[in-house]
Protein backbone atom coordinates (compact mmCIF):
# COMPACT_ATOMS: atom_id res chain seq x y z
CA MET A 1 0.23 0.03 0.26
CA ASN A 2 1.72 3.07 -1.16
CA THR A 3 -0.24 5.68 1.08
CA TRP A 4 1.06 4.30 4.34
CA ASP A 5 2.67 6.82 6.57
CA ASP A 6 2.95 7.85 10.71
CA ASP A 7 -0.59 9.27 10.11
CA ILE A 8 -2.26 6.62 8.90
CA SER A 9 -0.22 4.10 10.90
CA ALA A 10 -1.61 6.22 14.12
CA ARG A 11 -4.99 6.32 13.25
CA VAL A 12 -5.30 2.49 12.48
CA PHE A 13 -3.63 1.70 15.46
CA ALA A 14 -5.61 4.69 17.45
CA ASN A 15 -9.27 2.75 16.18
CA PHE A 16 -7.81 -0.71 17.53
CA ARG A 17 -7.12 1.18 20.70
CA GLN A 18 -10.92 2.24 20.73
CA TYR A 19 -12.59 -0.79 20.20
CA LEU A 20 -9.71 -3.49 22.35
CA THR A 21 -10.24 -0.81 25.43
CA GLY A 22 -14.41 -0.12 24.78
CA TRP A 23 -14.44 -3.89 26.65
CA ASP A 24 -13.25 -2.22 29.63
CA GLU A 25 -16.47 -1.56 31.67
CA ALA A 26 -14.72 0.61 33.84
CA GLN A 27 -14.00 3.26 31.62
CA PRO A 28 -10.42 3.57 32.51
CA GLN A 29 -8.55 6.72 32.93
CA ALA A 30 -5.84 7.96 31.60
CA SER A 31 -2.34 6.32 32.29
CA GLU A 32 0.53 5.48 31.58
CA VAL A 33 -0.73 2.26 30.63
CA ASP A 34 -3.57 1.78 28.09
CA ARG A 35 -5.38 -1.41 29.22
CA PHE A 36 -9.14 -3.26 29.59
CA ARG A 37 -10.34 -5.33 31.87
CA SER A 38 -14.12 -7.23 30.94
CA GLY A 39 -13.85 -9.58 33.52
CA LEU A 40 -14.44 -12.13 31.26
CA ALA A 41 -12.66 -15.47 30.88
CA ALA A 42 -11.17 -15.15 27.84
CA PRO A 43 -7.74 -12.87 26.90
CA GLN A 44 -9.32 -11.68 24.15
CA PHE A 45 -10.79 -9.22 26.55
CA ASN A 46 -8.96 -8.43 28.58
CA GLY A 47 -4.50 -6.92 28.47
CA VAL A 48 -2.81 -4.07 27.92
CA VAL A 49 -2.59 -2.32 24.37
CA ARG A 50 0.12 0.19 24.54
CA VAL A 51 2.63 1.73 27.67
CA ARG A 52 3.17 5.14 26.46
CA SER A 53 7.20 4.49 27.87
CA SER A 54 9.77 1.68 27.45
CA SER A 55 11.45 2.82 30.94
CA SER A 56 8.15 1.98 32.57
CA ILE A 57 7.42 -1.08 31.31
CA GLU A 58 8.46 -3.24 34.99
CA GLN A 59 6.19 -0.36 36.99
CA ALA A 60 3.16 -1.18 34.34
CA VAL A 61 3.62 -4.95 34.62
CA ALA A 62 3.08 -4.43 38.29
CA THR A 63 0.66 -2.75 38.72
CA THR A 64 -1.03 -4.81 35.75
CA ARG A 65 0.38 -7.55 36.87
CA THR A 66 -2.77 -6.11 40.36
CA HIS A 67 -5.11 -4.56 37.67
CA LEU A 68 -5.74 -8.10 35.81
CA ALA A 69 -5.69 -10.27 38.60
CA GLY A 70 -8.55 -13.66 38.29
CA VAL A 71 -9.01 -12.81 34.77
CA PRO A 72 -6.43 -14.28 31.72
CA TRP A 73 -4.91 -11.74 29.34
CA TRP A 74 -2.52 -10.53 26.57
CA TRP A 75 -0.09 -7.74 25.47
CA TRP A 76 -0.54 -6.70 22.20
CA VAL A 77 2.73 -4.89 20.98
CA GLY A 78 2.53 -2.80 17.64
CA PRO A 79 4.11 0.36 15.77
CA ASP A 80 2.49 2.31 18.24
CA SER A 81 4.20 0.72 21.50
CA PRO A 82 7.53 2.37 21.84
CA GLU A 83 10.60 0.48 20.27
CA GLY A 84 12.15 -2.00 22.93
CA THR A 85 8.18 -2.95 24.97
CA ALA A 86 8.74 -6.20 23.40
CA THR A 87 12.24 -6.80 25.11
CA ALA A 88 11.42 -5.24 27.92
CA LEU A 89 8.59 -7.74 28.35
CA GLU A 90 10.99 -10.29 27.74
CA GLN A 91 12.49 -9.60 30.74
CA CYS A 92 9.94 -9.41 32.91
CA GLY A 93 9.07 -12.85 32.37
CA ALA A 94 6.50 -12.12 29.09
CA ALA A 95 6.24 -14.87 26.73
CA GLU A 96 5.45 -14.39 22.54
CA LEU A 97 2.33 -15.95 22.22
CA THR A 98 1.79 -15.02 18.59
CA VAL A 99 2.41 -13.01 15.47
CA VAL A 100 -0.24 -11.48 14.03
CA PRO A 101 -0.74 -8.50 10.30
CA VAL A 102 -1.78 -5.73 10.13
CA MET A 103 -3.87 -5.29 7.28
CA VAL A 104 -5.50 -2.19 5.46
CA ARG A 105 -7.44 -1.34 2.70
CA PRO A 106 -8.35 2.26 1.09
CA LEU A 107 -12.31 2.64 0.71
CA ASP A 108 -11.36 4.52 -2.28
CA ARG A 109 -12.97 2.27 -4.91
CA ALA A 110 -15.55 -1.10 -5.60
CA THR A 111 -15.93 -3.73 -3.58
CA GLU A 112 -16.60 -7.56 -5.56
CA GLN A 113 -19.31 -9.59 -3.72
CA GLY A 114 -18.35 -12.60 -4.70
CA ASP A 115 -20.17 -16.11 -4.52
CA ALA A 116 -22.55 -16.68 -1.39
CA PRO A 117 -25.78 -18.12 -1.11
CA THR A 118 -28.84 -16.76 -2.21
CA ASP A 119 -30.91 -17.05 0.25
CA LEU A 120 -28.32 -15.33 1.93
CA ARG A 121 -29.02 -11.61 4.15
CA ILE A 122 -26.55 -9.75 5.84
CA GLU A 123 -28.12 -7.50 8.25
CA GLU A 124 -27.43 -4.77 11.02
CA VAL A 125 -28.27 -5.64 14.21
CA GLY A 126 -30.74 -3.73 15.79
CA ASP A 127 -32.21 -5.21 18.82
CA LEU A 128 -31.03 -7.69 22.06
CA ASP A 129 -32.41 -10.47 20.65
CA ARG A 130 -30.28 -11.00 17.55
CA LEU A 131 -27.46 -9.33 19.26
CA THR A 132 -27.60 -12.01 21.35
CA GLU A 133 -27.23 -14.13 18.33
CA LEU A 134 -24.57 -12.98 17.21
CA VAL A 135 -22.59 -13.20 20.08
CA ARG A 136 -23.40 -16.41 20.50
CA THR A 137 -22.44 -17.38 17.22
CA TYR A 138 -18.94 -15.52 17.52
CA ARG A 139 -18.78 -16.96 21.00
CA THR A 140 -19.27 -20.52 19.80
CA SER A 141 -16.76 -19.69 16.71
CA MET A 142 -13.71 -18.62 18.77
CA GLY A 143 -14.20 -21.79 21.68
CA ILE A 144 -15.77 -19.15 24.67
CA PRO A 145 -17.66 -21.31 26.85
CA LEU A 146 -21.13 -21.08 27.12
CA GLY A 147 -21.37 -19.73 30.57
CA LEU A 148 -19.83 -16.24 29.47
CA GLU A 149 -22.59 -15.16 27.05
CA ALA A 150 -24.49 -13.29 29.15
CA ASP A 151 -21.97 -11.16 30.55
CA MET A 152 -20.49 -10.82 26.67
CA VAL A 153 -23.98 -9.18 25.06
CA ARG A 154 -24.51 -7.31 28.35
CA ILE A 155 -21.16 -5.61 27.83
CA GLU A 156 -21.61 -5.12 23.86
CA SER A 157 -25.00 -3.73 24.57
CA LYS A 158 -23.35 -0.90 26.75
CA ARG A 159 -20.40 0.37 25.02
CA GLU A 160 -19.52 3.84 25.38
CA ASP A 161 -19.07 3.96 22.26
CA ASN A 162 -21.40 2.58 21.11
CA ALA A 163 -22.86 5.35 18.14
CA ASP A 164 -19.04 4.46 16.27
CA ILE A 165 -20.01 0.84 15.86
CA VAL A 166 -21.83 -1.18 13.26
CA ARG A 167 -23.23 -5.23 14.18
CA LEU A 168 -23.75 -7.46 10.91
CA ALA A 169 -24.98 -10.36 10.95
CA ALA A 170 -25.35 -12.95 7.73
CA VAL A 171 -28.58 -14.54 8.29
CA LEU A 172 -29.61 -17.72 6.58
CA ASP A 173 -33.00 -19.78 7.02
CA GLY A 174 -33.69 -17.32 9.88
CA ARG A 175 -30.62 -17.45 11.53
CA VAL A 176 -27.28 -16.08 12.29
CA VAL A 177 -24.65 -17.84 10.47
CA GLY A 178 -22.14 -14.81 10.58
CA THR A 179 -20.70 -11.95 12.14
CA THR A 180 -18.49 -9.07 11.80
CA VAL A 181 -18.28 -5.83 14.02
CA VAL A 182 -17.27 -2.38 12.64
CA ILE A 183 -15.94 0.10 14.63
CA THR A 184 -15.60 3.83 12.31
CA ALA A 185 -13.39 5.98 14.05
CA GLN A 186 -10.27 7.81 13.32
CA GLU A 187 -11.12 8.01 9.61
CA VAL A 188 -10.71 3.51 9.74
CA ALA A 189 -13.90 1.08 9.81
CA GLY A 190 -11.96 -1.26 11.93
CA MET A 191 -13.22 -5.12 11.52
CA PHE A 192 -13.41 -7.27 14.10
CA LEU A 193 -15.11 -10.88 15.44
CA VAL A 194 -15.43 -12.17 11.56
CA HIS A 195 -16.75 -15.27 12.20
CA VAL A 196 -18.39 -18.05 9.95
CA ALA A 197 -20.56 -21.17 12.07
CA GLU A 198 -18.13 -24.08 11.68
CA ALA A 199 -20.88 -25.72 9.51
CA HIS A 200 -21.50 -23.11 6.95
CA ARG A 201 -17.91 -22.31 6.31
CA ARG A 202 -16.77 -22.04 2.16
CA ARG A 203 -19.91 -20.92 0.93
CA GLY A 204 -19.06 -17.67 0.58
CA ILE A 205 -20.35 -16.05 3.57
CA GLY A 206 -17.09 -15.11 4.90
CA ALA A 207 -16.39 -12.72 1.83
CA ALA A 208 -20.23 -11.62 1.54
CA LEU A 209 -19.53 -9.87 5.20
CA THR A 210 -16.48 -8.46 4.27
CA ALA A 211 -18.16 -7.22 1.51
CA ALA A 212 -20.37 -5.37 3.52
CA ALA A 213 -18.40 -4.55 6.46
CA LEU A 214 -16.84 -2.32 3.33
CA GLN A 215 -19.72 -0.88 2.29
CA VAL A 216 -20.47 0.48 6.03
CA GLY A 217 -17.14 2.01 6.35
CA ARG A 218 -17.47 4.26 2.18
CA ALA A 219 -21.21 4.63 3.72
CA ARG A 220 -19.89 6.45 6.75
CA GLY A 221 -17.39 8.49 5.02
CA MET A 222 -13.95 6.35 6.37
CA ARG A 223 -10.54 6.49 4.35
CA LEU A 224 -9.24 2.97 5.25
CA ALA A 225 -10.80 -0.81 6.10
CA ALA A 226 -8.26 -2.28 8.75
CA LEU A 227 -8.19 -4.84 10.51
CA VAL A 228 -6.05 -7.66 12.61
CA ALA A 229 -6.43 -11.15 10.27
CA SER A 230 -6.04 -14.90 11.41
CA PRO A 231 -4.50 -17.22 9.16
CA ALA A 232 -7.37 -18.24 7.73
CA GLY A 233 -8.66 -15.48 7.46
CA GLU A 234 -5.16 -13.75 5.10
CA PRO A 235 -5.81 -15.21 2.26
CA LEU A 236 -9.76 -14.27 1.89
CA TYR A 237 -8.56 -10.38 2.71
CA ARG A 238 -5.90 -10.29 0.01
CA ARG A 239 -8.87 -11.02 -2.49
CA PHE A 240 -10.21 -8.19 -1.47
CA GLY A 241 -7.01 -5.68 -1.92
CA PHE A 242 -6.10 -5.75 1.82
CA THR A 243 -2.25 -5.34 2.10
CA THR A 244 0.03 -6.32 5.48
CA VAL A 245 1.38 -3.36 6.52
CA SER A 246 2.60 -4.04 10.01
CA HIS A 247 2.43 -6.76 13.07
CA TYR A 248 0.84 -6.93 16.38
CA ARG A 249 3.21 -9.13 18.63
CA ILE A 250 1.10 -10.46 21.38
CA PHE A 251 2.29 -11.57 24.63
CA THR A 252 1.38 -13.61 27.43
CA VAL A 253 2.43 -12.54 31.30
CA PRO A 254 2.83 -14.92 34.21
CA ALA A 255 0.97 -14.49 37.29
């Protein structure tokens, strides 16, 4: 992507930070550490997305261990983290769990729709019943226990930034079979929780959801779409014109 620069990078990662920290019901105050605690027993929904200075990592690890005690969590290290953050974390005993690509695509060109079941509908989620179905679909796909579902729905419904968020459900035969969540902020359409129920994969549903998410970004006047890709999803996003521009390194930190 020829237009990737420091300003766009800052916008993309600010979008990601807003989405992730939005899982913290306590609305964390400004500090040296951007972290979030949903209270859910799933590391995707608790963690750190940035520390302002690598010189304060040791203290940040200590305070974060206290703040996030009792829940699993991850520490995300991207280009918005100070140089040396990963090394400092490793010196505190952290271990790298995985590296995931950050992919972007301009929204100034049309999107191919691809092939999908003719009776598939992509609907914007607008009520609690449909939100519950949406959460149930991505929760199951992610392997998150049923017992967390009610709290996930409650947190989703009460996010402070819901005006920035569009939730899309792929509906087939009256049932939600796929999901994505789009957050429009910083002139970026950030795409999260792109999931298709296992029994309905490889039928074009993921492509239909991606096309719909890109349309949401265009309709809301965003300049770029951005996402963190899974290994399974990366080939699909490349077909839609996404390119890898950066990476997140995800760490686990011992208690």
